[in-house]
PDB file of N, CA and C in Angstrom:
ATOM      1  N   UNK A   1     102.445 140.194 141.120  1.00  0.00           N
ATOM      2  CA  UNK A   1     101.482 140.295 140.047  1.00  0.00           C
ATOM      3  C   UNK A   1     102.226 140.667 138.767  1.00  0.00           C
ATOM      4  N   UNK A   2     101.818 140.026 137.657  1.00  0.00           N
ATOM      5  CA  UNK A   2     102.459 140.271 136.368  1.00  0.00           C
ATOM      6  C   UNK A   2     101.405 140.526 135.309  1.00  0.00           C
ATOM      7  N   UNK A   3     101.618 141.569 134.514  1.00  0.00           N
ATOM      8  CA  UNK A   3     100.780 141.844 133.349  1.00  0.00           C
ATOM      9  C   UNK A   3     101.727 142.132 132.197  1.00  0.00           C
ATOM     10  N   UNK A   4     101.534 141.416 131.093  1.00  0.00           N
ATOM     11  CA  UNK A   4     102.367 141.616 129.910  1.00  0.00           C
ATOM     12  C   UNK A   4     101.575 141.147 128.696  1.00  0.00           C
ATOM     13  N   UNK A   5     102.054 141.479 127.521  1.00  0.00           N
ATOM     14  CA  UNK A   5     101.425 141.016 126.289  1.00  0.00           C
ATOM     15  C   UNK A   5     102.192 139.792 125.800  1.00  0.00           C
ATOM     16  N   UNK A   6     101.489 138.816 125.248  1.00  0.00           N
ATOM     17  CA  UNK A   6     102.159 137.593 124.796  1.00  0.00           C
ATOM     18  C   UNK A   6     103.219 137.864 123.728  1.00  0.00           C
ATOM     19  N   UNK A   7     103.069 138.948 122.969  1.00  0.00           N
ATOM     20  CA  UNK A   7     104.077 139.299 121.959  1.00  0.00           C
ATOM     21  C   UNK A   7     105.419 139.670 122.580  1.00  0.00           C
ATOM     22  N   UNK A   8     105.420 139.999 123.873  1.00  0.00           N
ATOM     23  CA  UNK A   8     106.644 140.357 124.581  1.00  0.00           C
ATOM     24  C   UNK A   8     107.426 139.130 125.062  1.00  0.00           C
ATOM     25  N   UNK A   9     106.822 137.941 124.950  1.00  0.00           N
ATOM     26  CA  UNK A   9     107.436 136.717 125.455  1.00  0.00           C
ATOM     27  C   UNK A   9     108.106 135.976 124.297  1.00  0.00           C
ATOM     28  N   UNK A  10     109.380 135.671 124.464  1.00  0.00           N
ATOM     29  CA  UNK A  10     110.140 135.000 123.404  1.00  0.00           C
ATOM     30  C   UNK A  10     109.579 133.615 123.112  1.00  0.00           C
ATOM     31  N   UNK A  11     109.430 133.310 121.825  1.00  0.00           N
ATOM     32  CA  UNK A  11     109.045 131.971 121.387  1.00  0.00           C
ATOM     33  C   UNK A  11     110.317 131.180 121.123  1.00  0.00           C
ATOM     34  N   UNK A  12     110.420 130.010 121.739  1.00  0.00           N
ATOM     35  CA  UNK A  12     111.602 129.158 121.570  1.00  0.00           C
ATOM     36  C   UNK A  12     111.201 127.866 120.873  1.00  0.00           C
ATOM     37  N   UNK A  13     112.093 127.351 120.052  1.00  0.00           N
ATOM     38  CA  UNK A  13     111.829 126.074 119.388  1.00  0.00           C
ATOM     39  C   UNK A  13     111.761 124.954 120.407  1.00  0.00           C
ATOM     40  N   UNK A  14     110.822 124.038 120.207  1.00  0.00           N
ATOM     41  CA  UNK A  14     110.718 122.844 121.043  1.00  0.00           C
ATOM     42  C   UNK A  14     111.691 121.818 120.473  1.00  0.00           C
ATOM     43  N   UNK A  15     112.666 121.432 121.270  1.00  0.00           N
ATOM     44  CA  UNK A  15     113.758 120.577 120.783  1.00  0.00           C
ATOM     45  C   UNK A  15     113.253 119.288 120.145  1.00  0.00           C
ATOM     46  N   UNK A  16     112.295 118.623 120.762  1.00  0.00           N
ATOM     47  CA  UNK A  16     111.811 117.353 120.236  1.00  0.00           C
ATOM     48  C   UNK A  16     110.713 117.544 119.191  1.00  0.00           C
ATOM     49  N   UNK A  17     110.234 118.775 119.027  1.00  0.00           N
ATOM     50  CA  UNK A  17     109.138 119.023 118.107  1.00  0.00           C
ATOM     51  C   UNK A  17     109.592 119.293 116.689  1.00  0.00           C
ATOM     52  N   UNK A  18     108.630 119.273 115.778  1.00  0.00           N
ATOM     53  CA  UNK A  18     108.872 119.625 114.379  1.00  0.00           C
ATOM     54  C   UNK A  18     108.084 120.890 114.100  1.00  0.00           C
ATOM     55  N   UNK A  19     108.771 121.969 113.720  1.00  0.00           N
ATOM     56  CA  UNK A  19     108.121 123.250 113.418  1.00  0.00           C
ATOM     57  C   UNK A  19     107.179 123.687 114.544  1.00  0.00           C
ATOM     58  N   UNK A  20     107.679 123.568 115.777  1.00  0.00           N
ATOM     59  CA  UNK A  20     106.885 123.855 116.970  1.00  0.00           C
ATOM     60  C   UNK A  20     107.643 124.800 117.894  1.00  0.00           C
ATOM     61  N   UNK A  21     106.942 125.815 118.400  1.00  0.00           N
ATOM     62  CA  UNK A  21     107.538 126.737 119.367  1.00  0.00           C
ATOM     63  C   UNK A  21     106.724 126.747 120.655  1.00  0.00           C
ATOM     64  N   UNK A  22     107.389 127.209 121.725  1.00  0.00           N
ATOM     65  CA  UNK A  22     106.745 127.367 123.022  1.00  0.00           C
ATOM     66  C   UNK A  22     107.062 128.758 123.554  1.00  0.00           C
ATOM     67  N   UNK A  23     106.061 129.377 124.172  1.00  0.00           N
ATOM     68  CA  UNK A  23     106.250 130.607 124.935  1.00  0.00           C
ATOM     69  C   UNK A  23     105.817 130.316 126.363  1.00  0.00           C
ATOM     70  N   UNK A  24     106.664 130.602 127.322  1.00  0.00           N
ATOM     71  CA  UNK A  24     106.281 130.449 128.730  1.00  0.00           C
ATOM     72  C   UNK A  24     105.687 131.789 129.156  1.00  0.00           C
ATOM     73  N   UNK A  25     104.368 131.868 129.152  1.00  0.00           N
ATOM     74  CA  UNK A  25     103.670 133.125 129.425  1.00  0.00           C
ATOM     75  C   UNK A  25     103.689 133.481 130.904  1.00  0.00           C
ATOM     76  N   UNK A  26     103.499 132.486 131.751  1.00  0.00           N
ATOM     77  CA  UNK A  26     103.630 132.659 133.205  1.00  0.00           C
ATOM     78  C   UNK A  26     104.529 131.530 133.687  1.00  0.00           C
ATOM     79  N   UNK A  27     105.699 131.882 134.165  1.00  0.00           N
ATOM     80  CA  UNK A  27     106.691 130.884 134.573  1.00  0.00           C
ATOM     81  C   UNK A  27     106.451 130.415 136.002  1.00  0.00           C
ATOM     82  N   UNK A  28     107.185 129.391 136.389  1.00  0.00           N
ATOM     83  CA  UNK A  28     107.123 128.884 137.764  1.00  0.00           C
ATOM     84  C   UNK A  28     107.576 129.944 138.764  1.00  0.00           C
ATOM     85  N   UNK A  29     108.394 130.897 138.310  1.00  0.00           N
ATOM     86  CA  UNK A  29     108.838 131.970 139.200  1.00  0.00           C
ATOM     87  C   UNK A  29     107.743 133.023 139.394  1.00  0.00           C
ATOM     88  N   UNK A  30     106.811 133.111 138.454  1.00  0.00           N
ATOM     89  CA  UNK A  30     105.729 134.100 138.536  1.00  0.00           C
ATOM     90  C   UNK A  30     104.476 133.553 139.209  1.00  0.00           C
ATOM     91  N   UNK A  31     104.130 132.323 138.909  1.00  0.00           N
ATOM     92  CA  UNK A  31     102.931 131.708 139.482  1.00  0.00           C
ATOM     93  C   UNK A  31     103.329 130.665 140.506  1.00  0.00           C
ATOM     94  N   UNK A  32     102.767 130.709 141.703  1.00  0.00           N
ATOM     95  CA  UNK A  32     103.204 129.789 142.748  1.00  0.00           C
ATOM     96  C   UNK A  32     102.789 128.333 142.528  1.00  0.00           C
ATOM     97  N   UNK A  33     101.709 128.090 141.770  1.00  0.00           N
ATOM     98  CA  UNK A  33     101.198 126.732 141.635  1.00  0.00           C
ATOM     99  C   UNK A  33     101.219 126.170 140.218  1.00  0.00           C
ATOM    100  N   UNK A  34     101.078 127.048 139.221  1.00  0.00           N
ATOM    101  CA  UNK A  34     100.978 126.592 137.837  1.00  0.00           C
ATOM    102  C   UNK A  34     101.791 127.478 136.901  1.00  0.00           C
ATOM    103  N   UNK A  35     102.230 126.889 135.791  1.00  0.00           N
ATOM    104  CA  UNK A  35     102.855 127.637 134.705  1.00  0.00           C
ATOM    105  C   UNK A  35     101.893 127.633 133.522  1.00  0.00           C
ATOM    106  N   UNK A  36     101.898 128.725 132.753  1.00  0.00           N
ATOM    107  CA  UNK A  36     101.048 128.854 131.574  1.00  0.00           C
ATOM    108  C   UNK A  36     101.946 128.968 130.357  1.00  0.00           C
ATOM    109  N   UNK A  37     101.740 128.067 129.398  1.00  0.00           N
ATOM    110  CA  UNK A  37     102.572 128.036 128.204  1.00  0.00           C
ATOM    111  C   UNK A  37     101.682 128.101 126.967  1.00  0.00           C
ATOM    112  N   UNK A  38     102.227 128.650 125.889  1.00  0.00           N
ATOM    113  CA  UNK A  38     101.518 128.685 124.609  1.00  0.00           C
ATOM    114  C   UNK A  38     102.378 127.967 123.582  1.00  0.00           C
ATOM    115  N   UNK A  39     101.797 126.966 122.937  1.00  0.00           N
ATOM    116  CA  UNK A  39     102.475 126.220 121.890  1.00  0.00           C
ATOM    117  C   UNK A  39     101.920 126.627 120.538  1.00  0.00           C
ATOM    118  N   UNK A  40     102.785 126.659 119.542  1.00  0.00           N
ATOM    119  CA  UNK A  40     102.378 126.938 118.168  1.00  0.00           C
ATOM    120  C   UNK A  40     103.080 125.943 117.252  1.00  0.00           C
ATOM    121  N   UNK A  41     102.275 125.232 116.448  1.00  0.00           N
ATOM    122  CA  UNK A  41     102.794 124.236 115.510  1.00  0.00           C
ATOM    123  C   UNK A  41     102.401 124.655 114.107  1.00  0.00           C
ATOM    124  N   UNK A  42     103.385 124.776 113.241  1.00  0.00           N
ATOM    125  CA  UNK A  42     103.117 125.142 111.858  1.00  0.00           C
ATOM    126  C   UNK A  42     102.455 123.972 111.128  1.00  0.00           C
ATOM    127  N   UNK A  43     101.784 124.221 109.993  1.00  0.00           N
ATOM    128  CA  UNK A  43     101.167 123.123 109.238  1.00  0.00           C
ATOM    129  C   UNK A  43     102.178 122.003 108.998  1.00  0.00           C
ATOM    130  N   UNK A  44     101.767 120.779 109.309  1.00  0.00           N
ATOM    131  CA  UNK A  44     102.648 119.624 109.186  1.00  0.00           C
ATOM    132  C   UNK A  44     103.552 119.410 110.384  1.00  0.00           C
ATOM    133  N   UNK A  45     103.602 120.372 111.292  1.00  0.00           N
ATOM    134  CA  UNK A  45     104.454 120.263 112.480  1.00  0.00           C
ATOM    135  C   UNK A  45     103.791 119.430 113.561  1.00  0.00           C
ATOM    136  N   UNK A  46     104.524 119.214 114.632  1.00  0.00           N
ATOM    137  CA  UNK A  46     103.959 118.457 115.743  1.00  0.00           C
ATOM    138  C   UNK A  46     105.000 118.086 116.768  1.00  0.00           C
ATOM    139  N   UNK A  47     104.583 117.194 117.651  1.00  0.00           N
ATOM    140  CA  UNK A  47     105.468 116.688 118.696  1.00  0.00           C
ATOM    141  C   UNK A  47     105.321 115.176 118.754  1.00  0.00           C
ATOM    142  N   UNK A  48     106.443 114.451 118.920  1.00  0.00           N
ATOM    143  CA  UNK A  48     106.396 112.987 118.896  1.00  0.00           C
ATOM    144  C   UNK A  48     105.721 112.405 120.131  1.00  0.00           C
ATOM    145  N   UNK A  49     105.456 111.124 120.067  1.00  0.00           N
ATOM    146  CA  UNK A  49     104.868 110.411 121.202  1.00  0.00           C
ATOM    147  C   UNK A  49     105.818 110.515 122.389  1.00  0.00           C
ATOM    148  N   UNK A  50     105.300 111.050 123.494  1.00  0.00           N
ATOM    149  CA  UNK A  50     106.122 111.249 124.680  1.00  0.00           C
ATOM    150  C   UNK A  50     105.260 111.197 125.933  1.00  0.00           C
ATOM    151  N   UNK A  51     105.919 111.139 127.066  1.00  0.00           N
ATOM    152  CA  UNK A  51     105.235 111.212 128.356  1.00  0.00           C
ATOM    153  C   UNK A  51     105.819 112.375 129.150  1.00  0.00           C
ATOM    154  N   UNK A  52     105.041 112.860 130.094  1.00  0.00           N
ATOM    155  CA  UNK A  52     105.473 113.900 131.026  1.00  0.00           C
ATOM    156  C   UNK A  52     105.170 113.435 132.446  1.00  0.00           C
ATOM    157  N   UNK A  53     105.943 113.921 133.392  1.00  0.00           N
ATOM    158  CA  UNK A  53     105.734 113.583 134.794  1.00  0.00           C
ATOM    159  C   UNK A  53     104.658 114.461 135.436  1.00  0.00           C
ATOM    160  N   UNK A  54     104.091 115.400 134.663  1.00  0.00           N
ATOM    161  CA  UNK A  54     103.025 116.267 135.183  1.00  0.00           C
ATOM    162  C   UNK A  54     101.833 116.241 134.233  1.00  0.00           C
ATOM    163  N   UNK A  55     100.656 116.486 134.787  1.00  0.00           N
ATOM    164  CA  UNK A  55      99.435 116.564 133.970  1.00  0.00           C
ATOM    165  C   UNK A  55      99.438 117.830 133.119  1.00  0.00           C
ATOM    166  N   UNK A  56      98.598 117.838 132.069  1.00  0.00           N
ATOM    167  CA  UNK A  56      98.448 118.993 131.184  1.00  0.00           C
ATOM    168  C   UNK A  56      96.964 119.345 131.081  1.00  0.00           C
ATOM    169  N   UNK A  57      96.647 120.614 131.261  1.00  0.00           N
ATOM    170  CA  UNK A  57      95.324 121.141 130.949  1.00  0.00           C
ATOM    171  C   UNK A  57      95.505 122.069 129.763  1.00  0.00           C
ATOM    172  N   UNK A  58      94.757 121.841 128.676  1.00  0.00           N
ATOM    173  CA  UNK A  58      95.000 122.586 127.451  1.00  0.00           C
ATOM    174  C   UNK A  58      93.703 123.175 126.889  1.00  0.00           C
ATOM    175  N   UNK A  59      93.865 124.336 126.237  1.00  0.00           N
ATOM    176  CA  UNK A  59      92.757 125.001 125.548  1.00  0.00           C
ATOM    177  C   UNK A  59      93.241 125.380 124.158  1.00  0.00           C
ATOM    178  N   UNK A  60      92.531 124.903 123.129  1.00  0.00           N
ATOM    179  CA  UNK A  60      92.943 125.154 121.742  1.00  0.00           C
ATOM    180  C   UNK A  60      92.474 126.540 121.310  1.00  0.00           C
ATOM    181  N   UNK A  61      93.430 127.361 120.873  1.00  0.00           N
ATOM    182  CA  UNK A  61      93.154 128.728 120.439  1.00  0.00           C
ATOM    183  C   UNK A  61      92.787 128.810 118.963  1.00  0.00           C
ATOM    184  N   UNK A  62      93.503 128.046 118.128  1.00  0.00           N
ATOM    185  CA  UNK A  62      93.245 128.076 116.688  1.00  0.00           C
ATOM    186  C   UNK A  62      93.860 126.865 116.020  1.00  0.00           C
ATOM    187  N   UNK A  63      93.387 126.584 114.812  1.00  0.00           N
ATOM    188  CA  UNK A  63      93.947 125.502 114.031  1.00  0.00           C
ATOM    189  C   UNK A  63      93.207 124.192 114.210  1.00  0.00           C
ATOM    190  N   UNK A  64      93.814 123.132 113.673  1.00  0.00           N
ATOM    191  CA  UNK A  64      93.202 121.804 113.631  1.00  0.00           C
ATOM    192  C   UNK A  64      94.327 120.785 113.758  1.00  0.00           C
ATOM    193  N   UNK A  65      94.207 119.887 114.704  1.00  0.00           N
ATOM    194  CA  UNK A  65      95.282 118.916 114.928  1.00  0.00           C
ATOM    195  C   UNK A  65      94.730 117.554 115.286  1.00  0.00           C
ATOM    196  N   UNK A  66      95.581 116.564 115.065  1.00  0.00           N
ATOM    197  CA  UNK A  66      95.325 115.212 115.542  1.00  0.00           C
ATOM    198  C   UNK A  66      96.173 115.051 116.794  1.00  0.00           C
ATOM    199  N   UNK A  67      95.543 114.568 117.866  1.00  0.00           N
ATOM    200  CA  UNK A  67      96.251 114.309 119.117  1.00  0.00           C
ATOM    201  C   UNK A  67      96.010 112.855 119.492  1.00  0.00           C
ATOM    202  N   UNK A  68      97.098 112.164 119.780  1.00  0.00           N
ATOM    203  CA  UNK A  68      96.986 110.812 120.313  1.00  0.00           C
ATOM    204  C   UNK A  68      97.222 110.873 121.801  1.00  0.00           C
ATOM    205  N   UNK A  69      96.290 110.300 122.574  1.00  0.00           N
ATOM    206  CA  UNK A  69      96.425 110.238 124.030  1.00  0.00           C
ATOM    207  C   UNK A  69      96.178 108.786 124.430  1.00  0.00           C
ATOM    208  N   UNK A  70      97.203 108.144 124.988  1.00  0.00           N
ATOM    209  CA  UNK A  70      97.168 106.706 125.278  1.00  0.00           C
ATOM    210  C   UNK A  70      96.861 105.986 123.969  1.00  0.00           C
ATOM    211  N   UNK A  71      95.786 105.232 123.883  1.00  0.00           N
ATOM    212  CA  UNK A  71      95.466 104.506 122.655  1.00  0.00           C
ATOM    213  C   UNK A  71      94.288 105.128 121.902  1.00  0.00           C
ATOM    214  N   UNK A  72      93.963 106.395 122.210  1.00  0.00           N
ATOM    215  CA  UNK A  72      92.850 107.088 121.561  1.00  0.00           C
ATOM    216  C   UNK A  72      93.371 108.198 120.655  1.00  0.00           C
ATOM    217  N   UNK A  73      92.724 108.389 119.506  1.00  0.00           N
ATOM    218  CA  UNK A  73      93.033 109.491 118.594  1.00  0.00           C
ATOM    219  C   UNK A  73      91.892 110.498 118.627  1.00  0.00           C
ATOM    220  N   UNK A  74      92.241 111.774 118.630  1.00  0.00           N
ATOM    221  CA  UNK A  74      91.258 112.853 118.647  1.00  0.00           C
ATOM    222  C   UNK A  74      91.633 113.877 117.593  1.00  0.00           C
ATOM    223  N   UNK A  75      90.638 114.496 116.985  1.00  0.00           N
ATOM    224  CA  UNK A  75      90.857 115.676 116.150  1.00  0.00           C
ATOM    225  C   UNK A  75      90.312 116.845 116.939  1.00  0.00           C
ATOM    226  N   UNK A  76      91.155 117.860 117.137  1.00  0.00           N
ATOM    227  CA  UNK A  76      90.762 119.009 117.943  1.00  0.00           C
ATOM    228  C   UNK A  76      90.866 120.282 117.130  1.00  0.00           C
ATOM    229  N   UNK A  77      90.084 121.278 117.553  1.00  0.00           N
ATOM    230  CA  UNK A  77      90.036 122.578 116.869  1.00  0.00           C
ATOM    231  C   UNK A  77      89.817 123.657 117.914  1.00  0.00           C
ATOM    232  N   UNK A  78      89.799 124.906 117.449  1.00  0.00           N
ATOM    233  CA  UNK A  78      89.618 126.049 118.351  1.00  0.00           C
ATOM    234  C   UNK A  78      88.412 125.841 119.252  1.00  0.00           C
ATOM    235  N   UNK A  79      88.607 126.125 120.529  1.00  0.00           N
ATOM    236  CA  UNK A  79      87.541 125.998 121.516  1.00  0.00           C
ATOM    237  C   UNK A  79      87.533 124.675 122.261  1.00  0.00           C
ATOM    238  N   UNK A  80      88.274 123.682 121.759  1.00  0.00           N
ATOM    239  CA  UNK A  80      88.321 122.387 122.440  1.00  0.00           C
ATOM    240  C   UNK A  80      89.227 122.455 123.663  1.00  0.00           C
ATOM    241  N   UNK A  81      88.904 121.619 124.639  1.00  0.00           N
ATOM    242  CA  UNK A  81      89.652 121.513 125.886  1.00  0.00           C
ATOM    243  C   UNK A  81      90.206 120.097 125.976  1.00  0.00           C
ATOM    244  N   UNK A  82      91.475 119.971 126.366  1.00  0.00           N
ATOM    245  CA  UNK A  82      92.149 118.666 126.413  1.00  0.00           C
ATOM    246  C   UNK A  82      92.766 118.493 127.798  1.00  0.00           C
ATOM    247  N   UNK A  83      92.594 117.303 128.379  1.00  0.00           N
ATOM    248  CA  UNK A  83      93.272 116.959 129.626  1.00  0.00           C
ATOM    249  C   UNK A  83      94.131 115.731 129.373  1.00  0.00           C
ATOM    250  N   UNK A  84      95.409 115.819 129.734  1.00  0.00           N
ATOM    251  CA  UNK A  84      96.333 114.694 129.595  1.00  0.00           C
ATOM    252  C   UNK A  84      96.894 114.391 130.980  1.00  0.00           C
ATOM    253  N   UNK A  85      96.556 113.221 131.549  1.00  0.00           N
ATOM    254  CA  UNK A  85      97.076 112.874 132.869  1.00  0.00           C
ATOM    255  C   UNK A  85      98.592 112.670 132.843  1.00  0.00           C
ATOM    256  N   UNK A  86      99.219 112.822 133.979  1.00  0.00           N
ATOM    257  CA  UNK A  86     100.663 112.609 134.060  1.00  0.00           C
ATOM    258  C   UNK A  86     100.998 111.174 133.669  1.00  0.00           C
ATOM    259  N   UNK A  87     102.121 111.020 132.958  1.00  0.00           N
ATOM    260  CA  UNK A  87     102.605 109.698 132.598  1.00  0.00           C
ATOM    261  C   UNK A  87     101.941 109.051 131.394  1.00  0.00           C
ATOM    262  N   UNK A  88     100.914 109.674 130.824  1.00  0.00           N
ATOM    263  CA  UNK A  88     100.195 109.073 129.699  1.00  0.00           C
ATOM    264  C   UNK A  88     100.855 109.484 128.380  1.00  0.00           C
ATOM    265  N   UNK A  89     101.202 108.521 127.525  1.00  0.00           N
ATOM    266  CA  UNK A  89     101.823 108.861 126.239  1.00  0.00           C
ATOM    267  C   UNK A  89     100.869 109.685 125.370  1.00  0.00           C
ATOM    268  N   UNK A  90     101.429 110.695 124.693  1.00  0.00           N
ATOM    269  CA  UNK A  90     100.618 111.547 123.816  1.00  0.00           C
ATOM    270  C   UNK A  90     101.489 112.163 122.735  1.00  0.00           C
ATOM    271  N   UNK A  91     100.828 112.550 121.611  1.00  0.00           N
ATOM    272  CA  UNK A  91     101.524 113.216 120.513  1.00  0.00           C
ATOM    273  C   UNK A  91     100.570 114.202 119.853  1.00  0.00           C
ATOM    274  N   UNK A  92     101.145 115.093 119.035  1.00  0.00           N
ATOM    275  CA  UNK A  92     100.377 116.114 118.321  1.00  0.00           C
ATOM    276  C   UNK A  92     100.846 116.164 116.874  1.00  0.00           C
ATOM    277  N   UNK A  93      99.918 116.356 115.939  1.00  0.00           N
ATOM    278  CA  UNK A  93     100.238 116.613 114.540  1.00  0.00           C
ATOM    279  C   UNK A  93      99.277 117.672 114.022  1.00  0.00           C
ATOM    280  N   UNK A  94      99.816 118.769 113.515  1.00  0.00           N
ATOM    281  CA  UNK A  94      98.979 119.802 112.906  1.00  0.00           C
ATOM    282  C   UNK A  94      98.509 119.272 111.557  1.00  0.00           C
ATOM    283  N   UNK A  95      97.201 119.085 111.401  1.00  0.00           N
ATOM    284  CA  UNK A  95      96.648 118.566 110.146  1.00  0.00           C
ATOM    285  C   UNK A  95      95.889 119.652 109.390  1.00  0.00           C
ATOM    286  N   UNK A  96      96.025 120.887 109.834  1.00  0.00           N
ATOM    287  CA  UNK A  96      95.340 122.000 109.183  1.00  0.00           C
ATOM    288  C   UNK A  96      96.271 122.807 108.298  1.00  0.00           C
ATOM    289  N   UNK A  97      95.691 123.841 107.681  1.00  0.00           N
ATOM    290  CA  UNK A  97      96.447 124.715 106.770  1.00  0.00           C
ATOM    291  C   UNK A  97      96.987 125.956 107.472  1.00  0.00           C
ATOM    292  N   UNK A  98      96.665 126.139 108.741  1.00  0.00           N
ATOM    293  CA  UNK A  98      97.142 127.281 109.517  1.00  0.00           C
ATOM    294  C   UNK A  98      97.854 126.769 110.761  1.00  0.00           C
ATOM    295  N   UNK A  99      98.553 127.647 111.484  1.00  0.00           N
ATOM    296  CA  UNK A  99      99.192 127.196 112.723  1.00  0.00           C
ATOM    297  C   UNK A  99      98.165 126.638 113.711  1.00  0.00           C
ATOM    298  N   UNK A 100      98.573 125.602 114.427  1.00  0.00           N
ATOM    299  CA  UNK A 100      97.783 125.036 115.515  1.00  0.00           C
ATOM    300  C   UNK A 100      98.360 125.618 116.792  1.00  0.00           C
ATOM    301  N   UNK A 101      97.530 126.331 117.563  1.00  0.00           N
ATOM    302  CA  UNK A 101      98.000 126.989 118.778  1.00  0.00           C
ATOM    303  C   UNK A 101      97.114 126.602 119.957  1.00  0.00           C
ATOM    304  N   UNK A 102      97.764 126.362 121.097  1.00  0.00           N
ATOM    305  CA  UNK A 102      97.005 126.039 122.299  1.00  0.00           C
ATOM    306  C   UNK A 102      97.737 126.526 123.542  1.00  0.00           C
ATOM    307  N   UNK A 103      96.953 126.812 124.564  1.00  0.00           N
ATOM    308  CA  UNK A 103      97.488 127.131 125.883  1.00  0.00           C
ATOM    309  C   UNK A 103      97.621 125.834 126.657  1.00  0.00           C
ATOM    310  N   UNK A 104      98.664 125.713 127.446  1.00  0.00           N
ATOM    311  CA  UNK A 104      98.909 124.511 128.239  1.00  0.00           C
ATOM    312  C   UNK A 104      99.275 124.943 129.656  1.00  0.00           C
ATOM    313  N   UNK A 105      98.481 124.502 130.600  1.00  0.00           N
ATOM    314  CA  UNK A 105      98.729 124.803 132.009  1.00  0.00           C
ATOM    315  C   UNK A 105      99.263 123.538 132.666  1.00  0.00           C
ATOM    316  N   UNK A 106     100.367 123.684 133.385  1.00  0.00           N
ATOM    317  CA  UNK A 106     100.973 122.546 134.082  1.00  0.00           C
ATOM    318  C   UNK A 106     101.301 122.956 135.518  1.00  0.00           C
ATOM    319  N   UNK A 107     101.235 121.997 136.451  1.00  0.00           N
ATOM    320  CA  UNK A 107     101.620 122.318 137.828  1.00  0.00           C
ATOM    321  C   UNK A 107     103.118 122.582 137.922  1.00  0.00           C
ATOM    322  N   UNK A 108     103.474 123.416 138.868  1.00  0.00           N
ATOM    323  CA  UNK A 108     104.889 123.735 139.101  1.00  0.00           C
ATOM    324  C   UNK A 108     105.538 122.616 139.912  1.00  0.00           C
ATOM    325  N   UNK A 109     105.740 121.501 139.244  1.00  0.00           N
ATOM    326  CA  UNK A 109     106.437 120.352 139.812  1.00  0.00           C
ATOM    327  C   UNK A 109     107.536 119.969 138.827  1.00  0.00           C
ATOM    328  N   UNK A 110     108.483 119.189 139.278  1.00  0.00           N
ATOM    329  CA  UNK A 110     109.526 118.737 138.365  1.00  0.00           C
ATOM    330  C   UNK A 110     108.905 117.879 137.271  1.00  0.00           C
ATOM    331  N   UNK A 111     109.241 118.192 136.029  1.00  0.00           N
ATOM    332  CA  UNK A 111     108.699 117.462 134.888  1.00  0.00           C
ATOM    333  C   UNK A 111     109.827 116.731 134.183  1.00  0.00           C
ATOM    334  N   UNK A 112     109.609 115.469 133.899  1.00  0.00           N
ATOM    335  CA  UNK A 112     110.553 114.689 133.105  1.00  0.00           C
ATOM    336  C   UNK A 112     109.838 114.297 131.832  1.00  0.00           C
ATOM    337  N   UNK A 113     110.413 114.684 130.688  1.00  0.00           N
ATOM    338  CA  UNK A 113     109.833 114.357 129.388  1.00  0.00           C
ATOM    339  C   UNK A 113     110.596 113.170 128.817  1.00  0.00           C
ATOM    340  N   UNK A 114     109.852 112.134 128.429  1.00  0.00           N
ATOM    341  CA  UNK A 114     110.453 110.939 127.855  1.00  0.00           C
ATOM    342  C   UNK A 114     109.870 110.713 126.460  1.00  0.00           C
ATOM    343  N   UNK A 115     110.708 110.715 125.443  1.00  0.00           N
ATOM    344  CA  UNK A 115     110.255 110.431 124.086  1.00  0.00           C
ATOM    345  C   UNK A 115     110.037 108.927 123.965  1.00  0.00           C
ATOM    346  N   UNK A 116     108.830 108.538 123.532  1.00  0.00           N
ATOM    347  CA  UNK A 116     108.486 107.128 123.380  1.00  0.00           C
ATOM    348  C   UNK A 116     108.711 106.676 121.943  1.00  0.00           C
ATOM    349  N   UNK A 117     108.310 107.523 120.980  1.00  0.00           N
ATOM    350  CA  UNK A 117     108.462 107.180 119.563  1.00  0.00           C
ATOM    351  C   UNK A 117     108.545 108.459 118.758  1.00  0.00           C
ATOM    352  N   UNK A 118     109.721 108.762 118.222  1.00  0.00           N
ATOM    353  CA  UNK A 118     109.915 110.018 117.471  1.00  0.00           C
ATOM    354  C   UNK A 118     109.138 110.044 116.171  1.00  0.00           C
ATOM    355  N   UNK A 119     108.763 108.895 115.631  1.00  0.00           N
ATOM    356  CA  UNK A 119     108.063 108.847 114.346  1.00  0.00           C
ATOM    357  C   UNK A 119     106.551 109.000 114.492  1.00  0.00           C
ATOM    358  N   UNK A 120     106.036 109.003 115.695  1.00  0.00           N
ATOM    359  CA  UNK A 120     104.581 108.978 115.898  1.00  0.00           C
ATOM    360  C   UNK A 120     103.980 110.362 116.047  1.00  0.00           C
ATOM    361  N   UNK A 121     104.282 111.260 115.134  1.00  0.00           N
ATOM    362  CA  UNK A 121     103.596 112.562 115.170  1.00  0.00           C
ATOM    363  C   UNK A 121     103.087 112.925 113.803  1.00  0.00           C
TER     364      UNK A 121
END
């Protein structure tokens, strides 16, 4: 069992992202089935079009962003829930004036991230 404050977890830059950080709040070593991550994208920041080998369950904490999932575009805000199936191309762009933050839950399986288009965020 683990209890900690999110401020105690180091935020690391997302290599493929622009002005984007990730905190691994519950790692694969702590949770037997899922990892819990928190992403933060500064205004104008985002992540390019990419695919993952694992599904994503997401909950938006704050901010406003455009998300592309497959061939659909969505505008999301605090309180929205997003599901991205494994292997489906997706991207994020913060279109608001404040940081865009969301929780992302992924299964503890091997994940391969493939950048599809670096310009599509």
